[in-house]
Amino acid sequence: MMIDKLGGINPLNSIQNTQRAKQTQSAKSDSDSISVSAEAKKMAEAYYLKEVADETPDIRTDLVNQIKEKIKDPSYLNPERIASAADGIMASYGL
């Protein structure tokens, strides 16, 4: 009976494979990088601002309640204040 291999294992190959794996891992870790384009950054910012706008209520009830309380006071509505509000409305329409 002749034995020419020990279970098909070649100890020299396993050592060489281990060294190659270490070299490959160190080379990959040095060259990995990531870059984000300016367009992608702008899109991310726009997405964030849209999320904030969606979470913000359209009507600020705290301010509405304050104004309602002021209007209930008879001395608050005087001709000067009414004229000022009318001027503001006209200016917003460009008139």
C-alpha atoms as a PDB file:
ATOM      1  CA  MET A   1       0.000   0.000   0.000  1.00  0.00           C
ATOM      2  CA  MET A   2       1.260   3.441  -0.977  1.00  0.00           C
ATOM      3  CA  ILE A   3       0.369   6.751   0.682  1.00  0.00           C
ATOM      4  CA  ASP A   4       1.228   9.775  -1.413  1.00  0.00           C
ATOM      5  CA  LYS A   5      -1.036  12.417   0.203  1.00  0.00           C
ATOM      6  CA  LEU A   6      -2.213  12.989   3.719  1.00  0.00           C
ATOM      7  CA  GLY A   7      -5.934  13.537   3.262  1.00  0.00           C
ATOM      8  CA  GLY A   8      -5.411  15.953   0.362  1.00  0.00           C
ATOM      9  CA  ILE A   9      -4.004  18.665   2.628  1.00  0.00           C
ATOM     10  CA  ASN A  10      -0.996  20.597   1.555  1.00  0.00           C
ATOM     11  CA  PRO A  11       0.276  22.684   4.512  1.00  0.00           C
ATOM     12  CA  LEU A  12       2.202  25.030   2.219  1.00  0.00           C
ATOM     13  CA  ASN A  13      -0.961  26.098   0.367  1.00  0.00           C
ATOM     14  CA  SER A  14      -2.856  26.914   3.553  1.00  0.00           C
ATOM     15  CA  ILE A  15      -0.034  29.206   4.754  1.00  0.00           C
ATOM     16  CA  GLN A  16       0.128  30.994   1.399  1.00  0.00           C
ATOM     17  CA  ASN A  17      -3.670  31.466   1.312  1.00  0.00           C
ATOM     18  CA  THR A  18      -3.640  32.980   4.801  1.00  0.00           C
ATOM     19  CA  GLN A  19      -0.919  35.463   3.841  1.00  0.00           C
ATOM     20  CA  ARG A  20      -2.807  36.460   0.668  1.00  0.00           C
ATOM     21  CA  ALA A  21      -5.995  37.070   2.652  1.00  0.00           C
ATOM     22  CA  LYS A  22      -4.158  39.383   5.090  1.00  0.00           C
ATOM     23  CA  GLN A  23      -2.607  41.358   2.240  1.00  0.00           C
ATOM     24  CA  THR A  24      -5.958  41.762   0.491  1.00  0.00           C
ATOM     25  CA  GLN A  25      -7.719  42.949   3.642  1.00  0.00           C
ATOM     26  CA  SER A  26      -5.107  45.597   4.392  1.00  0.00           C
ATOM     27  CA  ALA A  27      -5.160  46.887   0.819  1.00  0.00           C
ATOM     28  CA  LYS A  28      -8.954  47.230   0.820  1.00  0.00           C
ATOM     29  CA  SER A  29      -9.151  49.124   4.091  1.00  0.00           C
ATOM     30  CA  ASP A  30      -6.739  51.803   2.872  1.00  0.00           C
ATOM     31  CA  SER A  31      -8.468  52.527  -0.433  1.00  0.00           C
ATOM     32  CA  ASP A  32     -12.161  52.624   0.604  1.00  0.00           C
ATOM     33  CA  SER A  33     -13.770  56.040   0.427  1.00  0.00           C
ATOM     34  CA  ILE A  34     -17.121  57.660  -0.214  1.00  0.00           C
ATOM     35  CA  SER A  35     -18.067  60.981  -1.726  1.00  0.00           C
ATOM     36  CA  VAL A  36     -21.422  62.713  -1.943  1.00  0.00           C
ATOM     37  CA  SER A  37     -22.172  65.039  -4.829  1.00  0.00           C
ATOM     38  CA  ALA A  38     -23.363  68.608  -4.320  1.00  0.00           C
ATOM     39  CA  GLU A  39     -26.641  67.686  -6.006  1.00  0.00           C
ATOM     40  CA  ALA A  40     -27.234  64.873  -3.503  1.00  0.00           C
ATOM     41  CA  LYS A  41     -26.493  67.244  -0.607  1.00  0.00           C
ATOM     42  CA  LYS A  42     -29.024  69.763  -1.959  1.00  0.00           C
ATOM     43  CA  MET A  43     -31.621  67.040  -2.375  1.00  0.00           C
ATOM     44  CA  ALA A  44     -31.046  65.847   1.200  1.00  0.00           C
ATOM     45  CA  GLU A  45     -31.452  69.384   2.515  1.00  0.00           C
ATOM     46  CA  ALA A  46     -34.641  69.865   0.483  1.00  0.00           C
ATOM     47  CA  TYR A  47     -36.003  66.589   1.845  1.00  0.00           C
ATOM     48  CA  TYR A  48     -35.227  67.662   5.412  1.00  0.00           C
ATOM     49  CA  LEU A  49     -36.899  71.054   4.920  1.00  0.00           C
ATOM     50  CA  LYS A  50     -39.976  69.372   3.424  1.00  0.00           C
ATOM     51  CA  GLU A  51     -40.211  67.084   6.447  1.00  0.00           C
ATOM     52  CA  VAL A  52     -40.023  70.088   8.794  1.00  0.00           C
ATOM     53  CA  ALA A  53     -42.678  71.931   6.771  1.00  0.00           C
ATOM     54  CA  ASP A  54     -44.968  68.893   6.835  1.00  0.00           C
ATOM     55  CA  GLU A  55     -44.663  68.641  10.617  1.00  0.00           C
ATOM     56  CA  THR A  56     -45.320  72.359  11.191  1.00  0.00           C
ATOM     57  CA  PRO A  57     -48.999  73.256  11.460  1.00  0.00           C
ATOM     58  CA  ASP A  58     -50.418  75.698   8.903  1.00  0.00           C
ATOM     59  CA  ILE A  59     -52.347  77.649  11.547  1.00  0.00           C
ATOM     60  CA  ARG A  60     -50.663  78.840  14.715  1.00  0.00           C
ATOM     61  CA  THR A  61     -53.526  78.489  17.152  1.00  0.00           C
ATOM     62  CA  ASP A  62     -51.622  80.246  19.940  1.00  0.00           C
ATOM     63  CA  LEU A  63     -51.400  83.456  17.892  1.00  0.00           C
ATOM     64  CA  VAL A  64     -55.000  83.163  16.715  1.00  0.00           C
ATOM     65  CA  ASN A  65     -56.181  82.868  20.311  1.00  0.00           C
ATOM     66  CA  GLN A  66     -54.129  85.929  21.332  1.00  0.00           C
ATOM     67  CA  ILE A  67     -55.656  88.011  18.553  1.00  0.00           C
ATOM     68  CA  LYS A  68     -59.176  86.815  19.419  1.00  0.00           C
ATOM     69  CA  GLU A  69     -58.632  87.980  22.994  1.00  0.00           C
ATOM     70  CA  LYS A  70     -57.354  91.383  21.810  1.00  0.00           C
ATOM     71  CA  ILE A  71     -60.357  91.868  19.512  1.00  0.00           C
ATOM     72  CA  LYS A  72     -62.745  91.225  22.395  1.00  0.00           C
ATOM     73  CA  ASP A  73     -61.360  94.358  24.086  1.00  0.00           C
ATOM     74  CA  PRO A  74     -63.390  97.351  22.790  1.00  0.00           C
ATOM     75  CA  SER A  75     -60.449  99.757  23.051  1.00  0.00           C
ATOM     76  CA  TYR A  76     -58.295  97.567  20.769  1.00  0.00           C
ATOM     77  CA  LEU A  77     -60.325  98.270  17.627  1.00  0.00           C
ATOM     78  CA  ASN A  78     -59.778 101.956  16.998  1.00  0.00           C
ATOM     79  CA  PRO A  79     -59.662 103.810  13.668  1.00  0.00           C
ATOM     80  CA  GLU A  80     -55.842 103.864  13.541  1.00  0.00           C
ATOM     81  CA  ARG A  81     -55.561 100.111  14.016  1.00  0.00           C
ATOM     82  CA  ILE A  82     -58.247  99.419  11.419  1.00  0.00           C
ATOM     83  CA  ALA A  83     -56.501 101.739   8.925  1.00  0.00           C
ATOM     84  CA  SER A  84     -53.169 100.034   9.606  1.00  0.00           C
ATOM     85  CA  ALA A  85     -54.691  96.582   8.998  1.00  0.00           C
ATOM     86  CA  ALA A  86     -56.347  97.805   5.778  1.00  0.00           C
ATOM     87  CA  ASP A  87     -53.046  99.283   4.566  1.00  0.00           C
ATOM     88  CA  GLY A  88     -51.304  95.975   5.271  1.00  0.00           C
ATOM     89  CA  ILE A  89     -53.924  94.042   3.299  1.00  0.00           C
ATOM     90  CA  MET A  90     -53.709  96.479   0.359  1.00  0.00           C
ATOM     91  CA  ALA A  91     -49.895  96.300   0.374  1.00  0.00           C
ATOM     92  CA  SER A  92     -49.976  92.497   0.292  1.00  0.00           C
ATOM     93  CA  TYR A  93     -52.037  92.705  -2.925  1.00  0.00           C
ATOM     94  CA  GLY A  94     -49.708  95.329  -4.377  1.00  0.00           C
ATOM     95  CA  LEU A  95     -52.283  98.125  -4.288  1.00  0.00           C
END
